PDB file of N, CA and C in Angstrom:
ATOM      1  N   MET A   1       5.482 -50.849  -1.862  1.00  0.00           N
ATOM      2  CA  MET A   1       5.004 -51.241  -0.583  1.00  0.00           C
ATOM      3  C   MET A   1       5.356 -50.267   0.600  1.00  0.00           C
ATOM      4  N   SER A   2       4.535 -49.946   1.377  1.00  0.00           N
ATOM      5  CA  SER A   2       4.692 -48.935   2.487  1.00  0.00           C
ATOM      6  C   SER A   2       5.291 -49.660   3.649  1.00  0.00           C
ATOM      7  N   ASN A   3       5.823 -48.998   4.626  1.00  0.00           N
ATOM      8  CA  ASN A   3       6.404 -49.447   5.818  1.00  0.00           C
ATOM      9  C   ASN A   3       5.376 -49.263   7.050  1.00  0.00           C
ATOM     10  N   CYS A   4       4.127 -49.326   6.745  1.00  0.00           N
ATOM     11  CA  CYS A   4       3.184 -49.077   7.924  1.00  0.00           C
ATOM     12  C   CYS A   4       3.099 -50.303   8.821  1.00  0.00           C
ATOM     13  N   ILE A   5       2.891 -49.857  10.065  1.00  0.00           N
ATOM     14  CA  ILE A   5       2.760 -51.085  10.982  1.00  0.00           C
ATOM     15  C   ILE A   5       1.381 -51.682  10.925  1.00  0.00           C
ATOM     16  N   VAL A   6       0.468 -51.003  10.312  1.00  0.00           N
ATOM     17  CA  VAL A   6      -0.886 -51.496  10.144  1.00  0.00           C
ATOM     18  C   VAL A   6      -1.045 -51.747   8.600  1.00  0.00           C
ATOM     19  N   PRO A   7      -1.071 -53.109   8.308  1.00  0.00           N
ATOM     20  CA  PRO A   7      -1.244 -53.349   6.901  1.00  0.00           C
ATOM     21  C   PRO A   7      -2.610 -53.023   6.347  1.00  0.00           C
ATOM     22  N   LYS A   8      -2.629 -52.648   5.150  1.00  0.00           N
ATOM     23  CA  LYS A   8      -3.879 -52.080   4.501  1.00  0.00           C
ATOM     24  C   LYS A   8      -4.853 -53.224   4.367  1.00  0.00           C
ATOM     25  N   GLU A   9      -4.312 -54.509   4.258  1.00  0.00           N
ATOM     26  CA  GLU A   9      -5.244 -55.736   4.232  1.00  0.00           C
ATOM     27  C   GLU A   9      -6.040 -55.852   5.509  1.00  0.00           C
ATOM     28  N   SER A  10      -5.331 -55.426   6.690  1.00  0.00           N
ATOM     29  CA  SER A  10      -6.095 -55.602   7.900  1.00  0.00           C
ATOM     30  C   SER A  10      -7.242 -54.519   7.932  1.00  0.00           C
ATOM     31  N   LEU A  11      -6.995 -53.319   7.387  1.00  0.00           N
ATOM     32  CA  LEU A  11      -8.102 -52.349   7.376  1.00  0.00           C
ATOM     33  C   LEU A  11      -9.315 -52.747   6.541  1.00  0.00           C
ATOM     34  N   LYS A  12      -8.882 -53.391   5.455  1.00  0.00           N
ATOM     35  CA  LYS A  12      -9.958 -53.935   4.604  1.00  0.00           C
ATOM     36  C   LYS A  12     -10.905 -54.924   5.089  1.00  0.00           C
ATOM     37  N   ILE A  13     -10.198 -55.852   6.004  1.00  0.00           N
ATOM     38  CA  ILE A  13     -10.877 -56.963   6.799  1.00  0.00           C
ATOM     39  C   ILE A  13     -11.824 -56.264   7.783  1.00  0.00           C
ATOM     40  N   ILE A  14     -11.294 -55.262   8.450  1.00  0.00           N
ATOM     41  CA  ILE A  14     -11.901 -54.540   9.539  1.00  0.00           C
ATOM     42  C   ILE A  14     -13.157 -53.960   8.939  1.00  0.00           C
ATOM     43  N   ALA A  15     -13.008 -53.237   7.798  1.00  0.00           N
ATOM     44  CA  ALA A  15     -14.143 -52.374   7.134  1.00  0.00           C
ATOM     45  C   ALA A  15     -15.161 -53.449   6.728  1.00  0.00           C
ATOM     46  N   GLU A  16     -14.856 -54.630   6.177  1.00  0.00           N
ATOM     47  CA  GLU A  16     -15.733 -55.610   5.761  1.00  0.00           C
ATOM     48  C   GLU A  16     -16.555 -56.136   7.004  1.00  0.00           C
ATOM     49  N   THR A  17     -15.953 -56.315   8.154  1.00  0.00           N
ATOM     50  CA  THR A  17     -16.616 -56.786   9.416  1.00  0.00           C
ATOM     51  C   THR A  17     -17.664 -55.804   9.854  1.00  0.00           C
ATOM     52  N   VAL A  18     -17.679 -54.494   9.571  1.00  0.00           N
ATOM     53  CA  VAL A  18     -18.541 -53.493  10.004  1.00  0.00           C
ATOM     54  C   VAL A  18     -19.414 -53.079   8.709  1.00  0.00           C
ATOM     55  N   GLY A  19     -19.316 -53.918   7.664  1.00  0.00           N
ATOM     56  CA  GLY A  19     -20.414 -53.706   6.545  1.00  0.00           C
ATOM     57  C   GLY A  19     -19.800 -52.746   5.391  1.00  0.00           C
ATOM     58  N   ILE A  20     -18.637 -52.449   5.463  1.00  0.00           N
ATOM     59  CA  ILE A  20     -18.042 -51.502   4.492  1.00  0.00           C
ATOM     60  C   ILE A  20     -17.244 -52.476   3.498  1.00  0.00           C
ATOM     61  N   SER A  21     -17.701 -52.549   2.237  1.00  0.00           N
ATOM     62  CA  SER A  21     -17.063 -53.354   1.279  1.00  0.00           C
ATOM     63  C   SER A  21     -16.412 -52.544   0.071  1.00  0.00           C
ATOM     64  N   ASN A  22     -15.636 -53.211  -0.483  1.00  0.00           N
ATOM     65  CA  ASN A  22     -14.984 -52.636  -1.829  1.00  0.00           C
ATOM     66  C   ASN A  22     -14.243 -51.390  -1.500  1.00  0.00           C
ATOM     67  N   ILE A  23     -13.319 -51.432  -0.566  1.00  0.00           N
ATOM     68  CA  ILE A  23     -12.509 -50.215  -0.328  1.00  0.00           C
ATOM     69  C   ILE A  23     -11.272 -50.378  -1.195  1.00  0.00           C
ATOM     70  N   SER A  24     -10.909 -49.262  -1.893  1.00  0.00           N
ATOM     71  CA  SER A  24      -9.880 -49.358  -2.682  1.00  0.00           C
ATOM     72  C   SER A  24      -8.487 -49.472  -2.011  1.00  0.00           C
ATOM     73  N   ASP A  25      -7.503 -50.059  -2.679  1.00  0.00           N
ATOM     74  CA  ASP A  25      -6.127 -50.050  -2.052  1.00  0.00           C
ATOM     75  C   ASP A  25      -5.558 -48.842  -1.578  1.00  0.00           C
ATOM     76  N   GLU A  26      -5.825 -47.685  -2.452  1.00  0.00           N
ATOM     77  CA  GLU A  26      -5.416 -46.388  -2.075  1.00  0.00           C
ATOM     78  C   GLU A  26      -5.949 -45.850  -0.768  1.00  0.00           C
ATOM     79  N   LEU A  27      -7.195 -46.108  -0.706  1.00  0.00           N
ATOM     80  CA  LEU A  27      -8.046 -45.542   0.538  1.00  0.00           C
ATOM     81  C   LEU A  27      -7.571 -46.438   1.762  1.00  0.00           C
ATOM     82  N   ALA A  28      -7.369 -47.759   1.703  1.00  0.00           N
ATOM     83  CA  ALA A  28      -6.932 -48.505   2.808  1.00  0.00           C
ATOM     84  C   ALA A  28      -5.512 -48.140   3.131  1.00  0.00           C
ATOM     85  N   GLN A  29      -4.734 -47.854   2.231  1.00  0.00           N
ATOM     86  CA  GLN A  29      -3.341 -47.231   2.603  1.00  0.00           C
ATOM     87  C   GLN A  29      -3.366 -46.079   3.263  1.00  0.00           C
ATOM     88  N   GLU A  30      -4.250 -45.199   2.875  1.00  0.00           N
ATOM     89  CA  GLU A  30      -4.283 -43.800   3.606  1.00  0.00           C
ATOM     90  C   GLU A  30      -4.853 -44.058   4.988  1.00  0.00           C
ATOM     91  N   LEU A  31      -5.849 -44.938   5.161  1.00  0.00           N
ATOM     92  CA  LEU A  31      -6.386 -45.129   6.515  1.00  0.00           C
ATOM     93  C   LEU A  31      -5.432 -45.922   7.396  1.00  0.00           C
ATOM     94  N   ALA A  32      -4.533 -46.714   6.771  1.00  0.00           N
ATOM     95  CA  ALA A  32      -3.561 -47.491   7.555  1.00  0.00           C
ATOM     96  C   ALA A  32      -2.445 -46.425   7.953  1.00  0.00           C
ATOM     97  N   SER A  33      -2.160 -45.530   7.153  1.00  0.00           N
ATOM     98  CA  SER A  33      -1.227 -44.455   7.671  1.00  0.00           C
ATOM     99  C   SER A  33      -1.808 -43.525   8.705  1.00  0.00           C
ATOM    100  N   ASP A  34      -3.126 -43.280   8.705  1.00  0.00           N
ATOM    101  CA  ASP A  34      -3.751 -42.384   9.631  1.00  0.00           C
ATOM    102  C   ASP A  34      -3.844 -43.257  11.008  1.00  0.00           C
ATOM    103  N   VAL A  35      -4.188 -44.357  10.944  1.00  0.00           N
ATOM    104  CA  VAL A  35      -4.175 -45.281  12.139  1.00  0.00           C
ATOM    105  C   VAL A  35      -2.855 -45.314  12.743  1.00  0.00           C
ATOM    106  N   GLU A  36      -1.813 -45.456  11.977  1.00  0.00           N
ATOM    107  CA  GLU A  36      -0.441 -45.572  12.416  1.00  0.00           C
ATOM    108  C   GLU A  36       0.020 -44.235  13.233  1.00  0.00           C
ATOM    109  N   TYR A  37      -0.406 -43.197  12.580  1.00  0.00           N
ATOM    110  CA  TYR A  37      -0.160 -41.794  13.214  1.00  0.00           C
ATOM    111  C   TYR A  37      -0.920 -41.603  14.521  1.00  0.00           C
ATOM    112  N   ARG A  38      -2.178 -42.079  14.608  1.00  0.00           N
ATOM    113  CA  ARG A  38      -2.949 -42.024  15.826  1.00  0.00           C
ATOM    114  C   ARG A  38      -2.265 -42.989  16.936  1.00  0.00           C
ATOM    115  N   ILE A  39      -1.818 -44.127  16.515  1.00  0.00           N
ATOM    116  CA  ILE A  39      -1.177 -44.970  17.575  1.00  0.00           C
ATOM    117  C   ILE A  39       0.134 -44.363  18.189  1.00  0.00           C
ATOM    118  N   ARG A  40       0.820 -43.810  17.224  1.00  0.00           N
ATOM    119  CA  ARG A  40       2.025 -43.059  17.675  1.00  0.00           C
ATOM    120  C   ARG A  40       1.751 -41.903  18.563  1.00  0.00           C
ATOM    121  N   GLU A  41       0.600 -41.156  18.338  1.00  0.00           N
ATOM    122  CA  GLU A  41       0.284 -39.965  19.150  1.00  0.00           C
ATOM    123  C   GLU A  41      -0.047 -40.635  20.700  1.00  0.00           C
ATOM    124  N   VAL A  42      -0.822 -41.601  20.630  1.00  0.00           N
ATOM    125  CA  VAL A  42      -1.239 -42.160  22.024  1.00  0.00           C
ATOM    126  C   VAL A  42      -0.070 -42.667  22.734  1.00  0.00           C
ATOM    127  N   ALA A  43       0.890 -43.383  22.021  1.00  0.00           N
ATOM    128  CA  ALA A  43       1.991 -44.085  22.543  1.00  0.00           C
ATOM    129  C   ALA A  43       2.885 -42.986  23.200  1.00  0.00           C
ATOM    130  N   TYR A  44       3.031 -41.842  22.536  1.00  0.00           N
ATOM    131  CA  TYR A  44       3.838 -40.767  22.958  1.00  0.00           C
ATOM    132  C   TYR A  44       3.306 -40.257  24.137  1.00  0.00           C
ATOM    133  N   GLU A  45       2.039 -40.039  24.235  1.00  0.00           N
ATOM    134  CA  GLU A  45       1.366 -39.475  25.403  1.00  0.00           C
ATOM    135  C   GLU A  45       1.464 -40.429  26.597  1.00  0.00           C
ATOM    136  N   ALA A  46       1.316 -41.669  26.269  1.00  0.00           N
ATOM    137  CA  ALA A  46       1.423 -42.662  27.365  1.00  0.00           C
ATOM    138  C   ALA A  46       2.841 -42.796  27.975  1.00  0.00           C
ATOM    139  N   ILE A  47       3.820 -42.518  27.035  1.00  0.00           N
ATOM    140  CA  ILE A  47       5.205 -42.395  27.611  1.00  0.00           C
ATOM    141  C   ILE A  47       5.333 -41.201  28.529  1.00  0.00           C
ATOM    142  N   LYS A  48       4.791 -40.158  28.205  1.00  0.00           N
ATOM    143  CA  LYS A  48       4.951 -39.033  29.219  1.00  0.00           C
ATOM    144  C   LYS A  48       4.148 -39.312  30.553  1.00  0.00           C
ATOM    145  N   PHE A  49       3.013 -39.995  30.415  1.00  0.00           N
ATOM    146  CA  PHE A  49       2.353 -40.439  31.672  1.00  0.00           C
ATOM    147  C   PHE A  49       3.290 -41.383  32.492  1.00  0.00           C
ATOM    148  N   MET A  50       3.930 -42.285  31.817  1.00  0.00           N
ATOM    149  CA  MET A  50       4.875 -43.257  32.451  1.00  0.00           C
ATOM    150  C   MET A  50       5.964 -42.424  33.153  1.00  0.00           C
ATOM    151  N   HIS A  51       6.589 -41.500  32.513  1.00  0.00           N
ATOM    152  CA  HIS A  51       7.731 -40.770  33.085  1.00  0.00           C
ATOM    153  C   HIS A  51       7.239 -39.996  34.269  1.00  0.00           C
ATOM    154  N   HIS A  52       6.103 -39.288  34.128  1.00  0.00           N
ATOM    155  CA  HIS A  52       5.503 -38.497  35.228  1.00  0.00           C
ATOM    156  C   HIS A  52       5.211 -39.396  36.414  1.00  0.00           C
ATOM    157  N   SER A  53       4.941 -40.624  36.166  1.00  0.00           N
ATOM    158  CA  SER A  53       4.593 -41.515  37.287  1.00  0.00           C
ATOM    159  C   SER A  53       5.789 -42.206  37.836  1.00  0.00           C
ATOM    160  N   LYS A  54       6.936 -41.781  37.211  1.00  0.00           N
ATOM    161  CA  LYS A  54       8.281 -42.334  37.662  1.00  0.00           C
ATOM    162  C   LYS A  54       8.501 -43.831  37.651  1.00  0.00           C
ATOM    163  N   HIS A  55       7.818 -44.498  36.682  1.00  0.00           N
ATOM    164  CA  HIS A  55       8.188 -45.935  36.530  1.00  0.00           C
ATOM    165  C   HIS A  55       8.842 -46.084  35.241  1.00  0.00           C
ATOM    166  N   THR A  56       9.492 -47.265  35.015  1.00  0.00           N
ATOM    167  CA  THR A  56      10.123 -47.611  33.819  1.00  0.00           C
ATOM    168  C   THR A  56       9.516 -48.401  32.856  1.00  0.00           C
ATOM    169  N   LYS A  57       8.430 -49.009  33.196  1.00  0.00           N
ATOM    170  CA  LYS A  57       7.489 -49.874  32.366  1.00  0.00           C
ATOM    171  C   LYS A  57       6.169 -49.175  32.159  1.00  0.00           C
ATOM    172  N   MET A  58       5.866 -49.176  30.951  1.00  0.00           N
ATOM    173  CA  MET A  58       4.462 -48.550  30.583  1.00  0.00           C
ATOM    174  C   MET A  58       3.432 -49.536  30.970  1.00  0.00           C
ATOM    175  N   THR A  59       2.298 -48.912  31.688  1.00  0.00           N
ATOM    176  CA  THR A  59       1.205 -49.731  32.138  1.00  0.00           C
ATOM    177  C   THR A  59       0.023 -49.400  31.397  1.00  0.00           C
ATOM    178  N   THR A  60      -1.029 -50.304  31.466  1.00  0.00           N
ATOM    179  CA  THR A  60      -2.234 -50.000  30.899  1.00  0.00           C
ATOM    180  C   THR A  60      -2.831 -48.734  31.303  1.00  0.00           C
ATOM    181  N   GLU A  61      -2.603 -48.354  32.564  1.00  0.00           N
ATOM    182  CA  GLU A  61      -3.084 -47.059  33.111  1.00  0.00           C
ATOM    183  C   GLU A  61      -2.523 -45.924  32.333  1.00  0.00           C
ATOM    184  N   ASP A  62      -1.309 -46.039  31.995  1.00  0.00           N
ATOM    185  CA  ASP A  62      -0.634 -44.906  31.153  1.00  0.00           C
ATOM    186  C   ASP A  62      -1.289 -44.908  29.911  1.00  0.00           C
ATOM    187  N   VAL A  63      -1.591 -45.942  29.222  1.00  0.00           N
ATOM    188  CA  VAL A  63      -2.267 -45.896  27.973  1.00  0.00           C
ATOM    189  C   VAL A  63      -3.723 -45.378  28.035  1.00  0.00           C
ATOM    190  N   ASN A  64      -4.410 -45.859  29.161  1.00  0.00           N
ATOM    191  CA  ASN A  64      -5.703 -45.298  29.316  1.00  0.00           C
ATOM    192  C   ASN A  64      -5.705 -43.923  29.672  1.00  0.00           C
ATOM    193  N   ASN A  65      -4.743 -43.342  30.342  1.00  0.00           N
ATOM    194  CA  ASN A  65      -4.663 -41.887  30.638  1.00  0.00           C
ATOM    195  C   ASN A  65      -4.441 -41.140  29.410  1.00  0.00           C
ATOM    196  N   ALA A  66      -3.641 -41.646  28.389  1.00  0.00           N
ATOM    197  CA  ALA A  66      -3.345 -40.995  27.152  1.00  0.00           C
ATOM    198  C   ALA A  66      -4.641 -40.910  26.297  1.00  0.00           C
ATOM    199  N   LEU A  67      -5.343 -42.055  26.315  1.00  0.00           N
ATOM    200  CA  LEU A  67      -6.486 -42.118  25.584  1.00  0.00           C
ATOM    201  C   LEU A  67      -7.666 -41.106  26.124  1.00  0.00           C
ATOM    202  N   ARG A  68      -7.770 -41.022  27.444  1.00  0.00           N
ATOM    203  CA  ARG A  68      -8.648 -40.029  28.070  1.00  0.00           C
ATOM    204  C   ARG A  68      -8.297 -38.643  27.721  1.00  0.00           C
ATOM    205  N   LEU A  69      -6.867 -38.405  27.636  1.00  0.00           N
ATOM    206  CA  LEU A  69      -6.318 -37.097  27.360  1.00  0.00           C
ATOM    207  C   LEU A  69      -6.902 -36.731  26.030  1.00  0.00           C
ATOM    208  N   ARG A  70      -6.912 -37.600  25.060  1.00  0.00           N
ATOM    209  CA  ARG A  70      -7.422 -37.243  23.708  1.00  0.00           C
ATOM    210  C   ARG A  70      -8.978 -37.581  23.423  1.00  0.00           C
ATOM    211  N   ASN A  71      -9.661 -37.684  24.581  1.00  0.00           N
ATOM    212  CA  ASN A  71     -11.151 -37.813  24.633  1.00  0.00           C
ATOM    213  C   ASN A  71     -11.583 -39.049  23.760  1.00  0.00           C
ATOM    214  N   ILE A  72     -10.798 -40.143  23.981  1.00  0.00           N
ATOM    215  CA  ILE A  72     -11.026 -41.467  23.343  1.00  0.00           C
ATOM    216  C   ILE A  72     -11.706 -42.329  24.388  1.00  0.00           C
ATOM    217  N   GLU A  73     -12.757 -42.955  23.999  1.00  0.00           N
ATOM    218  CA  GLU A  73     -13.438 -43.794  24.987  1.00  0.00           C
ATOM    219  C   GLU A  73     -12.494 -44.974  25.363  1.00  0.00           C
ATOM    220  N   VAL A  74     -12.427 -45.059  26.781  1.00  0.00           N
ATOM    221  CA  VAL A  74     -11.656 -46.287  27.245  1.00  0.00           C
ATOM    222  C   VAL A  74     -12.486 -47.323  27.862  1.00  0.00           C
ATOM    223  N   SER A  75     -12.412 -48.504  27.428  1.00  0.00           N
ATOM    224  CA  SER A  75     -13.292 -49.554  28.037  1.00  0.00           C
ATOM    225  C   SER A  75     -12.375 -50.108  29.177  1.00  0.00           C
ATOM    226  N   GLU A  76     -13.039 -50.218  30.306  1.00  0.00           N
ATOM    227  CA  GLU A  76     -12.274 -50.789  31.543  1.00  0.00           C
ATOM    228  C   GLU A  76     -12.607 -52.182  31.635  1.00  0.00           C
ATOM    229  N   MET A  77     -11.662 -52.975  31.925  1.00  0.00           N
ATOM    230  CA  MET A  77     -11.954 -54.495  32.211  1.00  0.00           C
ATOM    231  C   MET A  77     -12.332 -54.717  33.593  1.00  0.00           C
ATOM    232  N   LYS A  78     -13.321 -55.513  33.699  1.00  0.00           N
ATOM    233  CA  LYS A  78     -13.731 -55.940  34.986  1.00  0.00           C
ATOM    234  C   LYS A  78     -13.257 -57.275  35.450  1.00  0.00           C
ATOM    235  N   ASN A  79     -12.870 -57.403  36.687  1.00  0.00           N
ATOM    236  CA  ASN A  79     -12.361 -58.666  37.263  1.00  0.00           C
ATOM    237  C   ASN A  79     -13.519 -59.475  37.796  1.00  0.00           C
TER     238      ASN A  79
END
């Protein structure tokens, strides 16, 4: 068993919800590892934005800025 923060079972469920079925355990594990890597990348960038903003708690804006830096679509919540 791997120490991934994203369980391969979760990726299998997500794949099924978008119409992809019968993903092997090996593929699900590889995807889980890649998702974890990408999450860590974004978190690291968000920490840098937090420090540059001189605050001690990470905000959603820090995460959004990190996502934008990586050209990942950010969905804004409307009030």
